[in-house]
Amino acid sequence: MSADILTLPHVRPLRPNCCAPDQRGLALWLARRRLRLMLARELLGAPDSALQDAGWTRAALRQEIAKPMWRG
């Protein structure tokens, strides 16, 4: 397990009348999905001390993993 600091990508709000994301929006959605999969794979089973070192609580981690990819 690495000691990298994990941050979520910056979220740009979608226009209310937009029916489909542009390519940048799609790339952001996919990046969020990859990040959440990585969080589940690498941090969910980690001890609480490792989560604290990364700035996460177990409850916050579970909440972040449960988000759909379109939510920031």
PDB file of N, CA and C in Angstrom:
ATOM      1  N   MET A   1       0.840  -1.163   0.000  1.00  0.00           N
ATOM      2  CA  MET A   1       0.000   0.000   0.000  1.00  0.00           C
ATOM      3  C   MET A   1       0.893   1.237   0.000  1.00  0.00           C
ATOM      4  N   SER A   2       0.586   2.187  -0.845  1.00  0.00           N
ATOM      5  CA  SER A   2       1.411   3.384  -0.933  1.00  0.00           C
ATOM      6  C   SER A   2       0.884   4.447   0.018  1.00  0.00           C
ATOM      7  N   ALA A   3       1.693   5.461   0.261  1.00  0.00           N
ATOM      8  CA  ALA A   3       1.325   6.539   1.166  1.00  0.00           C
ATOM      9  C   ALA A   3       0.892   7.782   0.400  1.00  0.00           C
ATOM     10  N   ASP A   4       0.389   7.604  -0.824  1.00  0.00           N
ATOM     11  CA  ASP A   4      -0.039   8.746  -1.625  1.00  0.00           C
ATOM     12  C   ASP A   4      -1.256   9.396  -0.999  1.00  0.00           C
ATOM     13  N   ILE A   5      -1.353  10.706  -1.147  1.00  0.00           N
ATOM     14  CA  ILE A   5      -2.525  11.440  -0.673  1.00  0.00           C
ATOM     15  C   ILE A   5      -3.568  11.407  -1.775  1.00  0.00           C
ATOM     16  N   LEU A   6      -4.767  11.007  -1.426  1.00  0.00           N
ATOM     17  CA  LEU A   6      -5.838  10.878  -2.397  1.00  0.00           C
ATOM     18  C   LEU A   6      -6.753  12.082  -2.314  1.00  0.00           C
ATOM     19  N   THR A   7      -7.036  12.670  -3.455  1.00  0.00           N
ATOM     20  CA  THR A   7      -7.976  13.781  -3.498  1.00  0.00           C
ATOM     21  C   THR A   7      -8.972  13.517  -4.613  1.00  0.00           C
ATOM     22  N   LEU A   8     -10.156  14.050  -4.445  1.00  0.00           N
ATOM     23  CA  LEU A   8     -11.181  13.902  -5.465  1.00  0.00           C
ATOM     24  C   LEU A   8     -10.975  14.954  -6.540  1.00  0.00           C
ATOM     25  N   PRO A   9     -11.305  14.624  -7.781  1.00  0.00           N
ATOM     26  CA  PRO A   9     -11.168  15.617  -8.837  1.00  0.00           C
ATOM     27  C   PRO A   9     -12.117  16.789  -8.610  1.00  0.00           C
ATOM     28  N   HIS A  10     -11.730  17.965  -9.104  1.00  0.00           N
ATOM     29  CA  HIS A  10     -12.584  19.141  -8.992  1.00  0.00           C
ATOM     30  C   HIS A  10     -13.884  18.896  -9.768  1.00  0.00           C
ATOM     31  N   VAL A  11     -14.973  19.262  -9.168  1.00  0.00           N
ATOM     32  CA  VAL A  11     -16.277  19.025  -9.793  1.00  0.00           C
ATOM     33  C   VAL A  11     -16.769  20.308 -10.440  1.00  0.00           C
ATOM     34  N   ARG A  12     -17.055  20.231 -11.727  1.00  0.00           N
ATOM     35  CA  ARG A  12     -17.620  21.353 -12.459  1.00  0.00           C
ATOM     36  C   ARG A  12     -19.108  21.089 -12.599  1.00  0.00           C
ATOM     37  N   PRO A  13     -19.976  21.993 -12.087  1.00  0.00           N
ATOM     38  CA  PRO A  13     -21.414  21.730 -12.180  1.00  0.00           C
ATOM     39  C   PRO A  13     -21.883  21.669 -13.626  1.00  0.00           C
ATOM     40  N   LEU A  14     -22.791  20.733 -13.886  1.00  0.00           N
ATOM     41  CA  LEU A  14     -23.366  20.619 -15.224  1.00  0.00           C
ATOM     42  C   LEU A  14     -24.440  21.682 -15.404  1.00  0.00           C
ATOM     43  N   ARG A  15     -24.638  22.103 -16.646  1.00  0.00           N
ATOM     44  CA  ARG A  15     -25.707  23.059 -16.932  1.00  0.00           C
ATOM     45  C   ARG A  15     -27.050  22.374 -16.689  1.00  0.00           C
ATOM     46  N   PRO A  16     -28.040  23.070 -16.122  1.00  0.00           N
ATOM     47  CA  PRO A  16     -29.317  22.439 -15.818  1.00  0.00           C
ATOM     48  C   PRO A  16     -30.047  21.927 -17.054  1.00  0.00           C
ATOM     49  N   ASN A  17     -29.860  22.558 -18.209  1.00  0.00           N
ATOM     50  CA  ASN A  17     -30.570  22.125 -19.413  1.00  0.00           C
ATOM     51  C   ASN A  17     -29.742  21.158 -20.262  1.00  0.00           C
ATOM     52  N   CYS A  18     -28.659  20.699 -19.734  1.00  0.00           N
ATOM     53  CA  CYS A  18     -27.778  19.792 -20.481  1.00  0.00           C
ATOM     54  C   CYS A  18     -28.297  18.359 -20.355  1.00  0.00           C
ATOM     55  N   CYS A  19     -28.510  17.715 -21.478  1.00  0.00           N
ATOM     56  CA  CYS A  19     -29.042  16.351 -21.425  1.00  0.00           C
ATOM     57  C   CYS A  19     -27.941  15.303 -21.466  1.00  0.00           C
ATOM     58  N   ALA A  20     -26.764  15.617 -21.947  1.00  0.00           N
ATOM     59  CA  ALA A  20     -25.661  14.661 -21.986  1.00  0.00           C
ATOM     60  C   ALA A  20     -24.355  15.410 -21.705  1.00  0.00           C
ATOM     61  N   PRO A  21     -23.449  14.796 -20.953  1.00  0.00           N
ATOM     62  CA  PRO A  21     -22.184  15.473 -20.652  1.00  0.00           C
ATOM     63  C   PRO A  21     -21.300  15.574 -21.888  1.00  0.00           C
ATOM     64  N   ASP A  22     -20.473  16.600 -21.917  1.00  0.00           N
ATOM     65  CA  ASP A  22     -19.499  16.697 -22.996  1.00  0.00           C
ATOM     66  C   ASP A  22     -18.349  15.731 -22.702  1.00  0.00           C
ATOM     67  N   GLN A  23     -17.349  15.718 -23.552  1.00  0.00           N
ATOM     68  CA  GLN A  23     -16.253  14.767 -23.367  1.00  0.00           C
ATOM     69  C   GLN A  23     -15.508  15.006 -22.065  1.00  0.00           C
ATOM     70  N   ARG A  24     -15.359  16.267 -21.688  1.00  0.00           N
ATOM     71  CA  ARG A  24     -14.672  16.573 -20.434  1.00  0.00           C
ATOM     72  C   ARG A  24     -15.472  16.043 -19.250  1.00  0.00           C
ATOM     73  N   GLY A  25     -16.783  16.201 -19.314  1.00  0.00           N
ATOM     74  CA  GLY A  25     -17.638  15.696 -18.245  1.00  0.00           C
ATOM     75  C   GLY A  25     -17.574  14.178 -18.157  1.00  0.00           C
ATOM     76  N   LEU A  26     -17.560  13.512 -19.296  1.00  0.00           N
ATOM     77  CA  LEU A  26     -17.469  12.060 -19.310  1.00  0.00           C
ATOM     78  C   LEU A  26     -16.141  11.606 -18.722  1.00  0.00           C
ATOM     79  N   ALA A  27     -15.074  12.286 -19.066  1.00  0.00           N
ATOM     80  CA  ALA A  27     -13.754  11.946 -18.524  1.00  0.00           C
ATOM     81  C   ALA A  27     -13.744  12.123 -17.006  1.00  0.00           C
ATOM     82  N   LEU A  28     -14.408  13.168 -16.503  1.00  0.00           N
ATOM     83  CA  LEU A  28     -14.488  13.397 -15.065  1.00  0.00           C
ATOM     84  C   LEU A  28     -15.282  12.277 -14.395  1.00  0.00           C
ATOM     85  N   TRP A  29     -16.382  11.875 -14.994  1.00  0.00           N
ATOM     86  CA  TRP A  29     -17.183  10.780 -14.441  1.00  0.00           C
ATOM     87  C   TRP A  29     -16.348   9.505 -14.343  1.00  0.00           C
ATOM     88  N   LEU A  30     -15.623   9.207 -15.413  1.00  0.00           N
ATOM     89  CA  LEU A  30     -14.809   7.994 -15.413  1.00  0.00           C
ATOM     90  C   LEU A  30     -13.677   8.080 -14.394  1.00  0.00           C
ATOM     91  N   ALA A  31     -13.094   9.255 -14.225  1.00  0.00           N
ATOM     92  CA  ALA A  31     -12.035   9.437 -13.223  1.00  0.00           C
ATOM     93  C   ALA A  31     -12.590   9.211 -11.825  1.00  0.00           C
ATOM     94  N   ARG A  32     -13.796   9.711 -11.566  1.00  0.00           N
ATOM     95  CA  ARG A  32     -14.418   9.482 -10.260  1.00  0.00           C
ATOM     96  C   ARG A  32     -14.651   7.996 -10.025  1.00  0.00           C
ATOM     97  N   ARG A  33     -15.113   7.301 -11.050  1.00  0.00           N
ATOM     98  CA  ARG A  33     -15.378   5.869 -10.924  1.00  0.00           C
ATOM     99  C   ARG A  33     -14.090   5.112 -10.614  1.00  0.00           C
ATOM    100  N   ARG A  34     -13.020   5.442 -11.341  1.00  0.00           N
ATOM    101  CA  ARG A  34     -11.729   4.789 -11.093  1.00  0.00           C
ATOM    102  C   ARG A  34     -11.235   5.080  -9.674  1.00  0.00           C
ATOM    103  N   LEU A  35     -11.393   6.327  -9.225  1.00  0.00           N
ATOM    104  CA  LEU A  35     -10.959   6.703  -7.884  1.00  0.00           C
ATOM    105  C   LEU A  35     -11.728   5.913  -6.837  1.00  0.00           C
ATOM    106  N   ARG A  36     -13.031   5.810  -6.999  1.00  0.00           N
ATOM    107  CA  ARG A  36     -13.841   5.103  -6.004  1.00  0.00           C
ATOM    108  C   ARG A  36     -13.551   3.607  -6.003  1.00  0.00           C
ATOM    109  N   LEU A  37     -13.288   3.040  -7.152  1.00  0.00           N
ATOM    110  CA  LEU A  37     -12.887   1.633  -7.195  1.00  0.00           C
ATOM    111  C   LEU A  37     -11.546   1.431  -6.492  1.00  0.00           C
ATOM    112  N   MET A  38     -10.613   2.354  -6.709  1.00  0.00           N
ATOM    113  CA  MET A  38      -9.313   2.262  -6.060  1.00  0.00           C
ATOM    114  C   MET A  38      -9.458   2.412  -4.542  1.00  0.00           C
ATOM    115  N   LEU A  39     -10.312   3.342  -4.100  1.00  0.00           N
ATOM    116  CA  LEU A  39     -10.540   3.509  -2.671  1.00  0.00           C
ATOM    117  C   LEU A  39     -11.083   2.220  -2.056  1.00  0.00           C
ATOM    118  N   ALA A  40     -12.046   1.609  -2.735  1.00  0.00           N
ATOM    119  CA  ALA A  40     -12.625   0.365  -2.237  1.00  0.00           C
ATOM    120  C   ALA A  40     -11.586  -0.751  -2.200  1.00  0.00           C
ATOM    121  N   ARG A  41     -10.770  -0.835  -3.225  1.00  0.00           N
ATOM    122  CA  ARG A  41      -9.797  -1.919  -3.339  1.00  0.00           C
ATOM    123  C   ARG A  41      -8.649  -1.751  -2.338  1.00  0.00           C
ATOM    124  N   GLU A  42      -8.143  -0.535  -2.189  1.00  0.00           N
ATOM    125  CA  GLU A  42      -6.919  -0.346  -1.412  1.00  0.00           C
ATOM    126  C   GLU A  42      -7.144   0.134   0.017  1.00  0.00           C
ATOM    127  N   LEU A  43      -8.177   0.916   0.269  1.00  0.00           N
ATOM    128  CA  LEU A  43      -8.323   1.486   1.606  1.00  0.00           C
ATOM    129  C   LEU A  43      -9.405   0.843   2.453  1.00  0.00           C
ATOM    130  N   LEU A  44     -10.398   0.247   1.852  1.00  0.00           N
ATOM    131  CA  LEU A  44     -11.508  -0.290   2.637  1.00  0.00           C
ATOM    132  C   LEU A  44     -11.040  -1.365   3.612  1.00  0.00           C
ATOM    133  N   GLY A  45     -10.083  -2.172   3.223  1.00  0.00           N
ATOM    134  CA  GLY A  45      -9.579  -3.215   4.103  1.00  0.00           C
ATOM    135  C   GLY A  45      -8.401  -2.782   4.958  1.00  0.00           C
ATOM    136  N   ALA A  46      -8.003  -1.538   4.839  1.00  0.00           N
ATOM    137  CA  ALA A  46      -6.837  -1.044   5.578  1.00  0.00           C
ATOM    138  C   ALA A  46      -7.196  -0.820   7.049  1.00  0.00           C
ATOM    139  N   PRO A  47      -6.207  -0.902   7.929  1.00  0.00           N
ATOM    140  CA  PRO A  47      -6.470  -0.623   9.346  1.00  0.00           C
ATOM    141  C   PRO A  47      -6.829   0.848   9.552  1.00  0.00           C
ATOM    142  N   ASP A  48      -7.509   1.124  10.652  1.00  0.00           N
ATOM    143  CA  ASP A  48      -7.948   2.490  10.948  1.00  0.00           C
ATOM    144  C   ASP A  48      -6.784   3.476  11.006  1.00  0.00           C
ATOM    145  N   SER A  49      -5.627   3.025  11.467  1.00  0.00           N
ATOM    146  CA  SER A  49      -4.472   3.934  11.543  1.00  0.00           C
ATOM    147  C   SER A  49      -4.037   4.384  10.146  1.00  0.00           C
ATOM    148  N   ALA A  50      -4.100   3.490   9.173  1.00  0.00           N
ATOM    149  CA  ALA A  50      -3.737   3.860   7.796  1.00  0.00           C
ATOM    150  C   ALA A  50      -4.767   4.824   7.215  1.00  0.00           C
ATOM    151  N   LEU A  51      -6.043   4.626   7.536  1.00  0.00           N
ATOM    152  CA  LEU A  51      -7.078   5.546   7.068  1.00  0.00           C
ATOM    153  C   LEU A  51      -6.860   6.933   7.655  1.00  0.00           C
ATOM    154  N   GLN A  52      -6.527   6.995   8.933  1.00  0.00           N
ATOM    155  CA  GLN A  52      -6.261   8.287   9.566  1.00  0.00           C
ATOM    156  C   GLN A  52      -5.075   8.983   8.908  1.00  0.00           C
ATOM    157  N   ASP A  53      -4.043   8.234   8.580  1.00  0.00           N
ATOM    158  CA  ASP A  53      -2.874   8.805   7.901  1.00  0.00           C
ATOM    159  C   ASP A  53      -3.255   9.409   6.554  1.00  0.00           C
ATOM    160  N   ALA A  54      -4.225   8.793   5.876  1.00  0.00           N
ATOM    161  CA  ALA A  54      -4.676   9.281   4.570  1.00  0.00           C
ATOM    162  C   ALA A  54      -5.747  10.360   4.705  1.00  0.00           C
ATOM    163  N   GLY A  55      -6.174  10.652   5.929  1.00  0.00           N
ATOM    164  CA  GLY A  55      -7.174  11.701   6.143  1.00  0.00           C
ATOM    165  C   GLY A  55      -8.610  11.226   5.988  1.00  0.00           C
ATOM    166  N   TRP A  56      -8.844   9.930   6.134  1.00  0.00           N
ATOM    167  CA  TRP A  56     -10.182   9.365   5.974  1.00  0.00           C
ATOM    168  C   TRP A  56     -10.651   8.739   7.274  1.00  0.00           C
ATOM    169  N   THR A  57     -11.959   8.710   7.459  1.00  0.00           N
ATOM    170  CA  THR A  57     -12.572   7.863   8.473  1.00  0.00           C
ATOM    171  C   THR A  57     -13.239   6.722   7.722  1.00  0.00           C
ATOM    172  N   ARG A  58     -13.483   5.626   8.404  1.00  0.00           N
ATOM    173  CA  ARG A  58     -14.111   4.489   7.723  1.00  0.00           C
ATOM    174  C   ARG A  58     -15.503   4.862   7.218  1.00  0.00           C
ATOM    175  N   ALA A  59     -16.260   5.633   8.003  1.00  0.00           N
ATOM    176  CA  ALA A  59     -17.610   6.039   7.583  1.00  0.00           C
ATOM    177  C   ALA A  59     -17.551   6.940   6.351  1.00  0.00           C
ATOM    178  N   ALA A  60     -16.629   7.901   6.322  1.00  0.00           N
ATOM    179  CA  ALA A  60     -16.498   8.794   5.166  1.00  0.00           C
ATOM    180  C   ALA A  60     -16.059   8.018   3.926  1.00  0.00           C
ATOM    181  N   LEU A  61     -15.189   7.048   4.112  1.00  0.00           N
ATOM    182  CA  LEU A  61     -14.728   6.230   2.994  1.00  0.00           C
ATOM    183  C   LEU A  61     -15.878   5.424   2.401  1.00  0.00           C
ATOM    184  N   ARG A  62     -16.662   4.791   3.260  1.00  0.00           N
ATOM    185  CA  ARG A  62     -17.813   4.015   2.775  1.00  0.00           C
ATOM    186  C   ARG A  62     -18.809   4.912   2.051  1.00  0.00           C
ATOM    187  N   GLN A  63     -19.024   6.121   2.577  1.00  0.00           N
ATOM    188  CA  GLN A  63     -19.948   7.065   1.948  1.00  0.00           C
ATOM    189  C   GLN A  63     -19.439   7.479   0.572  1.00  0.00           C
ATOM    190  N   GLU A  64     -18.155   7.734   0.456  1.00  0.00           N
ATOM    191  CA  GLU A  64     -17.575   8.138  -0.830  1.00  0.00           C
ATOM    192  C   GLU A  64     -17.654   7.003  -1.851  1.00  0.00           C
ATOM    193  N   ILE A  65     -17.371   5.792  -1.424  1.00  0.00           N
ATOM    194  CA  ILE A  65     -17.411   4.641  -2.328  1.00  0.00           C
ATOM    195  C   ILE A  65     -18.828   4.386  -2.825  1.00  0.00           C
ATOM    196  N   ALA A  66     -19.822   4.645  -1.991  1.00  0.00           N
ATOM    197  CA  ALA A  66     -21.212   4.361  -2.342  1.00  0.00           C
ATOM    198  C   ALA A  66     -21.799   5.376  -3.330  1.00  0.00           C
ATOM    199  N   LYS A  67     -21.149   6.499  -3.514  1.00  0.00           N
ATOM    200  CA  LYS A  67     -21.676   7.519  -4.419  1.00  0.00           C
ATOM    201  C   LYS A  67     -21.665   7.028  -5.864  1.00  0.00           C
ATOM    202  N   PRO A  68     -22.707   7.374  -6.633  1.00  0.00           N
ATOM    203  CA  PRO A  68     -22.654   7.071  -8.060  1.00  0.00           C
ATOM    204  C   PRO A  68     -21.617   7.977  -8.735  1.00  0.00           C
ATOM    205  N   MET A  69     -21.129   7.555  -9.904  1.00  0.00           N
ATOM    206  CA  MET A  69     -20.036   8.282 -10.537  1.00  0.00           C
ATOM    207  C   MET A  69     -20.418   9.690 -10.977  1.00  0.00           C
ATOM    208  N   TRP A  70     -21.705   9.968 -11.127  1.00  0.00           N
ATOM    209  CA  TRP A  70     -22.099  11.304 -11.564  1.00  0.00           C
ATOM    210  C   TRP A  70     -22.203  12.291 -10.411  1.00  0.00           C
ATOM    211  N   ARG A  71     -22.061  11.829  -9.175  1.00  0.00           N
ATOM    212  CA  ARG A  71     -22.084  12.747  -8.024  1.00  0.00           C
ATOM    213  C   ARG A  71     -20.669  13.092  -7.625  1.00  0.00           C
ATOM    214  N   GLY A  72     -20.455  14.364  -7.377  1.00  0.00           N
ATOM    215  CA  GLY A  72     -19.137  14.829  -6.986  1.00  0.00           C
ATOM    216  C   GLY A  72     -18.829  14.619  -5.562  1.00  0.00           C
TER     217      GLY A  72
END
